[in-house]
Every structure is written in structure tokens, then in C-alpha cells.
Protein backbone atom coordinates (compact mmCIF):
# COMPACT_ATOMS: atom_id res chain seq x y z
CA MET A 1 20.85 4.50 11.21
CA SER A 2 19.36 1.03 10.69
CA THR A 3 16.14 1.94 12.63
CA LEU A 4 15.43 4.59 9.96
CA CYS A 5 15.50 2.01 7.23
CA LEU A 6 12.88 -0.47 9.14
CA THR A 7 9.42 -0.45 8.33
CA SER A 8 6.66 -1.93 10.30
CA CYS A 9 5.11 -5.23 9.74
CA LEU A 10 1.76 -3.50 9.92
CA GLY A 11 -0.73 -4.56 7.17
CA VAL A 12 -4.26 -3.24 7.23
CA GLU A 13 -7.20 -5.19 5.33
CA HIS A 14 -10.53 -3.92 5.18
CA THR A 15 -13.69 -5.33 3.51
CA VAL A 16 -16.30 -3.38 1.64
CA GLY A 17 -19.74 -4.77 0.96
CA GLY A 18 -19.76 -8.31 0.98
CA GLY A 19 -16.00 -8.57 -0.08
CA PRO A 20 -14.66 -9.72 -3.57
CA THR A 21 -16.91 -11.45 -5.63
CA GLY A 22 -14.55 -12.17 -8.57
CA SER A 23 -11.02 -12.83 -9.15
CA GLU A 24 -9.75 -9.46 -10.43
CA THR A 25 -6.75 -8.11 -8.30
CA LYS A 26 -5.32 -4.47 -8.99
CA TYR A 27 -2.08 -3.32 -7.25
CA GLU A 28 -0.98 0.40 -6.49
CA GLY A 29 1.35 1.91 -4.40
CA ASN A 30 1.56 4.74 -1.95
CA TYR A 31 4.94 6.55 -1.83
CA TYR A 32 6.44 9.10 0.87
CA LEU A 33 9.46 10.91 1.33
CA PHE A 34 11.50 11.59 4.48
CA TRP A 35 10.56 8.27 6.39
CA GLY A 36 6.67 8.56 5.70
CA LEU A 37 6.54 12.27 6.76
CA TRP A 38 5.36 13.76 2.97
CA PRO A 39 3.06 12.05 1.12
CA VAL A 40 4.05 12.20 -2.67
CA ILE A 41 1.91 9.64 -4.32
CA HIS A 42 -1.32 8.88 -2.12
CA VAL A 43 -3.67 6.44 -3.84
CA ASP A 44 -7.33 6.24 -2.92
CA SER A 45 -8.68 2.46 -2.85
CA ARG A 46 -11.96 3.55 -3.92
CA THR A 47 -10.61 4.96 -7.01
CA VAL A 48 -8.67 1.62 -7.79
CA ALA A 49 -12.00 -0.30 -7.09
CA GLY A 50 -13.71 1.67 -9.60
CA ASP A 51 -17.47 1.07 -9.81
CA ALA A 52 -17.25 -2.04 -7.59
CA THR A 53 -19.64 -2.07 -4.53
CA SER A 54 -18.02 -5.18 -3.17
CA TYR A 55 -14.33 -5.48 -2.73
CA ARG A 56 -11.18 -5.99 -0.18
CA VAL A 57 -8.47 -3.62 0.36
CA GLU A 58 -5.16 -4.70 1.68
CA ASP A 59 -2.43 -2.17 2.51
CA TYR A 60 1.09 -3.61 3.54
CA VAL A 61 4.86 -3.47 2.91
CA ALA A 62 5.91 -5.68 0.14
CA LEU A 63 9.48 -6.91 -0.51
CA ASP A 64 9.98 -4.25 -3.35
CA ASP A 65 8.66 -1.45 -0.64
CA PHE A 66 11.13 -2.85 1.69
CA LEU A 67 13.99 -2.66 -0.95
CA ILE A 68 13.06 1.05 -1.81
CA THR A 69 13.07 1.95 1.65
CA VAL A 70 16.41 0.52 2.46
CA LEU A 71 18.28 1.63 -0.69
CA SER A 72 16.98 5.12 -0.22
CA VAL A 73 18.03 4.99 3.68
CA GLY A 74 14.44 5.91 4.22
CA LEU A 75 14.15 9.06 2.14
CA LEU A 76 11.82 7.26 -0.08
CA THR A 77 9.29 4.82 1.41
CA SER A 78 6.38 3.09 -0.16
CA ARG A 79 3.32 0.75 0.72
CA THR A 80 1.42 -1.47 -1.72
CA ILE A 81 -2.24 -1.10 -2.11
CA GLN A 82 -4.03 -4.51 -3.08
CA VAL A 83 -7.54 -4.26 -4.25
CA ASP A 84 -9.53 -7.64 -4.74
CA LYS A 85 -12.84 -7.28 -6.78
């Protein structure tokens, strides 16, 4: 049972254009049901970036994402999307 509550430590980062040029940061979340099998809310990083042509995107499991997964026994999982412009 505890295995179902654990999320991977996987974090993904990619840079678009020359990377962030300012100090603006936005956070959004992707939410999934049934241990990540069914996406409920999927955020597109291009939408979060808006009209920016240079930015960095990080996709990771934050502490609140981990707590959501543990408290729901994996039925609801989430990942944080961070966009630095």
C-alpha cells in the first residue's frame, strides 16, 4: 500500500529560446486520478508562458503534491509546473 503513495523524484526542466530574461515566475498544477492514469487537469506550459519566447519550464513533485498523494492514498496525484520568464 505504501508503494502506491510514493511518487517519483523525477523532475523535468527544459529551456525555450534563450531561457528566462526577467524575474517573473508562475506556478500551475497538473492533477491525475488513479495513481496518475487519468489526467483531470493538464496545464500546457506554452499557455502559462503566454506570449514569452524565452522561458524555462520545470515539472516536479513539490511538498504539497506529495501530501495530496499520500492523503488520498494515490487516488489523486499532482505535479507542479513552474514557468520562469
